[in-house]
N, C-alpha and C. Protein backbone atom coordinates (compact mmCIF):
# COMPACT_ATOMS: atom_id res chain seq x y z
N UNK A 1 -28.10 -137.56 73.45
CA UNK A 1 -27.04 -136.98 73.32
C UNK A 1 -26.09 -138.45 72.74
N UNK A 2 -25.51 -138.69 72.15
CA UNK A 2 -25.13 -140.12 71.60
C UNK A 2 -23.20 -140.44 72.13
N UNK A 3 -23.09 -139.15 72.30
CA UNK A 3 -21.76 -139.51 72.36
C UNK A 3 -21.45 -140.06 74.09
N UNK A 4 -20.65 -140.23 74.52
CA UNK A 4 -19.79 -140.29 75.85
C UNK A 4 -19.65 -139.22 76.36
N UNK A 5 -19.62 -138.95 76.51
CA UNK A 5 -19.64 -137.12 77.76
C UNK A 5 -18.25 -137.10 79.03
N UNK A 6 -17.66 -139.20 79.38
CA UNK A 6 -17.76 -138.63 80.74
C UNK A 6 -18.53 -139.01 81.73
N UNK A 7 -19.63 -139.04 81.89
CA UNK A 7 -20.48 -138.88 82.94
C UNK A 7 -21.43 -139.73 83.01
N UNK A 8 -20.78 -141.28 82.37
CA UNK A 8 -21.77 -142.70 82.38
C UNK A 8 -20.81 -143.30 81.70
N UNK A 9 -20.49 -144.22 82.66
CA UNK A 9 -19.82 -145.26 82.02
C UNK A 9 -19.57 -146.39 80.98
N UNK A 10 -18.02 -145.97 80.47
CA UNK A 10 -18.01 -146.18 79.31
C UNK A 10 -17.75 -147.80 79.13
N UNK A 11 -17.91 -148.63 79.83
CA UNK A 11 -18.08 -150.25 79.92
C UNK A 11 -18.35 -150.75 81.20
N UNK A 12 -19.10 -151.84 81.11
CA UNK A 12 -19.98 -152.48 82.00
C UNK A 12 -18.86 -152.35 82.72
N UNK A 13 -17.95 -154.00 82.58
CA UNK A 13 -16.81 -154.85 83.51
C UNK A 13 -15.17 -154.16 83.58
N UNK A 14 -14.98 -153.00 82.58
CA UNK A 14 -13.97 -152.13 82.99
C UNK A 14 -13.12 -152.73 81.74
N UNK A 15 -13.33 -153.05 80.54
CA UNK A 15 -12.52 -153.36 79.71
C UNK A 15 -11.99 -151.66 79.38
N UNK A 16 -10.94 -152.23 79.04
CA UNK A 16 -9.65 -151.27 78.69
C UNK A 16 -10.08 -150.91 77.65
N UNK A 17 -9.93 -151.56 76.41
CA UNK A 17 -10.50 -151.62 75.00
C UNK A 17 -10.03 -152.58 74.31
N UNK A 18 -10.30 -151.93 72.69
CA UNK A 18 -10.14 -153.46 71.98
C UNK A 18 -8.42 -154.24 71.72
N UNK A 19 -7.27 -153.57 72.38
CA UNK A 19 -6.63 -153.60 72.37
C UNK A 19 -6.10 -154.21 73.56
N UNK A 20 -7.09 -154.93 74.50
CA UNK A 20 -6.67 -155.35 76.22
C UNK A 20 -7.09 -156.73 76.29
N UNK A 21 -6.86 -157.62 74.90
CA UNK A 21 -6.85 -159.36 74.98
C UNK A 21 -6.82 -159.39 73.88
N UNK A 22 -7.31 -161.29 73.80
CA UNK A 22 -8.08 -161.93 72.60
C UNK A 22 -8.62 -161.63 71.84
N UNK A 23 -8.81 -161.92 70.58
CA UNK A 23 -10.04 -162.23 69.73
C UNK A 23 -11.50 -161.81 70.64
N UNK A 24 -11.69 -163.10 71.37
CA UNK A 24 -12.92 -162.48 72.78
C UNK A 24 -12.83 -161.66 73.39
N UNK A 25 -11.93 -160.90 73.53
CA UNK A 25 -12.27 -160.11 74.48
C UNK A 25 -12.36 -158.88 73.48
N UNK A 26 -11.91 -158.73 72.67
CA UNK A 26 -12.49 -157.54 71.33
C UNK A 26 -13.88 -157.37 70.86
N UNK A 27 -14.21 -158.81 70.10
CA UNK A 27 -15.49 -159.17 70.88
C UNK A 27 -16.50 -158.28 71.95
N UNK A 28 -16.02 -158.88 72.90
CA UNK A 28 -16.64 -158.91 73.86
C UNK A 28 -16.97 -157.20 74.30
N UNK A 29 -15.57 -156.20 74.23
CA UNK A 29 -15.37 -154.89 74.32
C UNK A 29 -16.70 -154.06 73.14
N UNK A 30 -16.50 -154.66 71.77
CA UNK A 30 -16.94 -154.57 70.58
C UNK A 30 -18.45 -154.43 71.28
N UNK A 31 -18.92 -155.27 71.74
CA UNK A 31 -20.49 -155.67 72.25
C UNK A 31 -20.99 -155.01 73.20
N UNK A 32 -20.16 -154.51 74.30
CA UNK A 32 -20.11 -153.29 75.30
C UNK A 32 -20.39 -151.84 75.04
N UNK A 33 -19.96 -151.85 74.14
CA UNK A 33 -19.81 -150.69 73.14
C UNK A 33 -20.88 -150.53 72.10
N UNK A 34 -20.91 -151.35 72.18
CA UNK A 34 -22.37 -151.38 70.93
C UNK A 34 -23.48 -151.22 72.53
N UNK A 35 -23.67 -151.66 73.33
CA UNK A 35 -24.62 -151.56 74.22
C UNK A 35 -24.85 -150.32 75.08
N UNK A 36 -23.21 -149.62 75.10
CA UNK A 36 -22.92 -148.13 75.88
C UNK A 36 -23.83 -147.32 74.75
N UNK A 37 -23.64 -147.44 73.54
CA UNK A 37 -23.82 -146.62 72.21
C UNK A 37 -25.74 -146.38 72.47
N UNK A 38 -26.22 -147.53 72.35
CA UNK A 38 -28.20 -147.52 72.68
C UNK A 38 -28.25 -146.97 73.60
N UNK A 39 -27.50 -147.84 74.88
CA UNK A 39 -28.17 -147.02 76.26
C UNK A 39 -27.93 -145.39 76.07
N UNK A 40 -26.90 -144.41 75.87
CA UNK A 40 -26.80 -143.12 75.57
C UNK A 40 -27.74 -142.70 74.72
N UNK A 41 -28.08 -143.42 73.05
CA UNK A 41 -29.12 -143.15 72.45
C UNK A 41 -30.61 -143.39 73.27
N UNK A 42 -30.80 -144.70 73.53
CA UNK A 42 -32.06 -144.35 75.31
C UNK A 42 -32.14 -142.84 75.80
N UNK A 43 -30.96 -142.54 76.23
CA UNK A 43 -31.47 -141.43 77.62
C UNK A 43 -31.65 -140.23 76.34
N UNK A 44 -30.94 -140.02 75.40
CA UNK A 44 -31.46 -139.32 74.36
C UNK A 44 -32.35 -138.97 73.45
N UNK A 45 -33.35 -140.42 73.68
CA UNK A 45 -34.84 -140.18 72.77
C UNK A 45 -35.87 -139.64 74.00
N UNK A 46 -34.98 -140.05 75.02
CA UNK A 46 -35.88 -139.67 76.68
C UNK A 46 -35.83 -137.99 76.57
N UNK A 47 -35.12 -137.67 76.83
CA UNK A 47 -34.24 -136.02 76.53
C UNK A 47 -35.06 -135.48 75.79
N UNK A 48 -34.97 -135.82 74.16
CA UNK A 48 -35.87 -135.38 73.00
C UNK A 48 -38.21 -135.20 72.53
N UNK A 49 -38.03 -136.08 73.87
CA UNK A 49 -39.81 -136.51 74.07
C UNK A 49 -39.61 -137.43 73.87
N UNK A 50 -38.97 -138.44 72.74
CA UNK A 50 -39.54 -139.36 71.69
C UNK A 50 -40.43 -140.75 72.39
N UNK A 51 -39.64 -141.09 74.14
CA UNK A 51 -40.45 -142.12 74.37
C UNK A 51 -39.91 -141.24 76.02
N UNK A 52 -41.03 -141.98 77.07
CA UNK A 52 -41.46 -142.03 78.35
C UNK A 52 -40.25 -142.13 79.18
N UNK A 53 -39.94 -142.41 80.55
CA UNK A 53 -39.29 -142.41 80.89
C UNK A 53 -39.37 -143.75 81.64
N UNK A 54 -40.85 -144.56 81.61
CA UNK A 54 -40.81 -145.59 81.38
C UNK A 54 -40.57 -146.50 80.40
N UNK A 55 -40.51 -146.30 79.08
CA UNK A 55 -40.34 -146.72 77.78
C UNK A 55 -38.75 -146.51 77.63
N UNK A 56 -37.96 -145.66 78.73
CA UNK A 56 -36.23 -145.74 78.57
C UNK A 56 -35.98 -146.65 79.38
N UNK A 57 -36.59 -146.83 80.80
CA UNK A 57 -36.34 -147.58 81.73
C UNK A 57 -36.17 -149.29 80.59
N UNK A 58 -37.69 -149.44 80.92
CA UNK A 58 -38.07 -150.86 80.39
C UNK A 58 -36.68 -151.37 79.41
N UNK A 59 -36.68 -150.49 78.57
CA UNK A 59 -35.07 -150.96 77.19
C UNK A 59 -33.56 -150.76 77.72
N UNK A 60 -33.60 -149.90 79.38
CA UNK A 60 -32.82 -150.41 79.56
C UNK A 60 -32.66 -151.19 80.80
N UNK A 61 -33.37 -151.77 81.61
CA UNK A 61 -33.01 -153.03 82.04
C UNK A 61 -33.05 -153.95 80.95
N UNK A 62 -33.30 -154.07 79.78
CA UNK A 62 -33.49 -155.22 79.43
C UNK A 62 -31.75 -155.59 78.59
N UNK A 63 -31.65 -153.90 78.84
CA UNK A 63 -29.94 -153.90 77.48
C UNK A 63 -28.81 -154.23 78.62
N UNK A 64 -29.44 -153.81 80.06
CA UNK A 64 -28.07 -154.30 81.39
C UNK A 64 -28.68 -155.13 82.35
N UNK A 65 -29.17 -156.41 81.81
CA UNK A 65 -29.88 -157.37 82.71
C UNK A 65 -29.25 -158.54 84.05
N UNK A 66 -28.02 -158.16 83.54
CA UNK A 66 -27.07 -158.93 84.26
C UNK A 66 -26.79 -158.27 85.58
N UNK A 67 -26.75 -159.52 87.11
CA UNK A 67 -26.39 -158.12 88.22
C UNK A 67 -25.13 -156.93 88.24
N UNK A 68 -24.23 -157.65 87.39
CA UNK A 68 -22.99 -157.11 87.74
C UNK A 68 -23.17 -155.81 86.54
N UNK A 69 -24.06 -155.61 85.97
CA UNK A 69 -23.84 -154.10 85.64
C UNK A 69 -25.02 -153.41 86.21
N UNK A 70 -25.24 -153.78 86.99
CA UNK A 70 -26.79 -152.96 88.03
C UNK A 70 -25.79 -151.16 88.62
N UNK A 71 -24.57 -151.13 88.96
CA UNK A 71 -23.99 -149.62 88.81
C UNK A 71 -24.38 -149.04 87.65
N UNK A 72 -24.50 -149.44 86.22
CA UNK A 72 -24.46 -148.78 84.67
C UNK A 72 -25.67 -148.53 84.93
N UNK A 73 -26.69 -149.86 85.00
CA UNK A 73 -28.10 -149.16 85.12
C UNK A 73 -28.65 -147.88 85.63
N UNK A 74 -27.46 -148.17 87.33
CA UNK A 74 -27.80 -147.00 88.12
C UNK A 74 -27.98 -145.86 87.42
N UNK A 75 -26.31 -145.49 87.11
CA UNK A 75 -26.33 -144.08 86.67
C UNK A 75 -27.12 -144.17 85.73
N UNK A 76 -27.23 -145.04 84.16
CA UNK A 76 -28.34 -144.44 83.20
C UNK A 76 -29.93 -143.95 83.51
N UNK A 77 -30.21 -144.60 84.27
CA UNK A 77 -31.50 -144.43 85.38
C UNK A 77 -31.54 -143.33 85.79
N UNK A 78 -30.15 -142.58 86.65
CA UNK A 78 -29.57 -141.13 87.48
C UNK A 78 -30.29 -139.94 86.21
N UNK A 79 -29.42 -140.43 84.66
CA UNK A 79 -29.65 -139.62 84.11
C UNK A 79 -31.04 -139.18 83.61
N UNK A 80 -32.29 -140.72 83.97
CA UNK A 80 -33.08 -140.06 83.51
C UNK A 80 -33.76 -139.28 84.28
N UNK A 81 -33.69 -139.55 86.03
CA UNK A 81 -34.39 -138.30 86.60
C UNK A 81 -33.58 -137.43 86.18
N UNK A 82 -32.59 -137.10 85.78
CA UNK A 82 -32.52 -135.98 85.57
C UNK A 82 -32.54 -135.06 84.50
N UNK A 83 -33.15 -135.46 83.82
CA UNK A 83 -33.82 -135.22 82.58
C UNK A 83 -35.41 -134.36 83.10
N UNK A 84 -35.90 -135.14 84.35
CA UNK A 84 -37.18 -135.53 84.02
C UNK A 84 -37.28 -133.90 85.55
């Protein structure tokens, strides 16, 4: 599943969108949006059997290494568990 269907956080820190501030805020939002898409793609690759649970988990940890992203990491790994 490569679209955000509302079950997984769409941003790491609650940024509301590209019109929420300065150019650097817009860049931050785009980076978050890109990260979310890669996380969703990782979950989808696992769902389709392309990668293992361990490979998906390692990818997610690399994408979300910051302690402030723990909630998002938990949500994505819950999705992996649901698939298994």
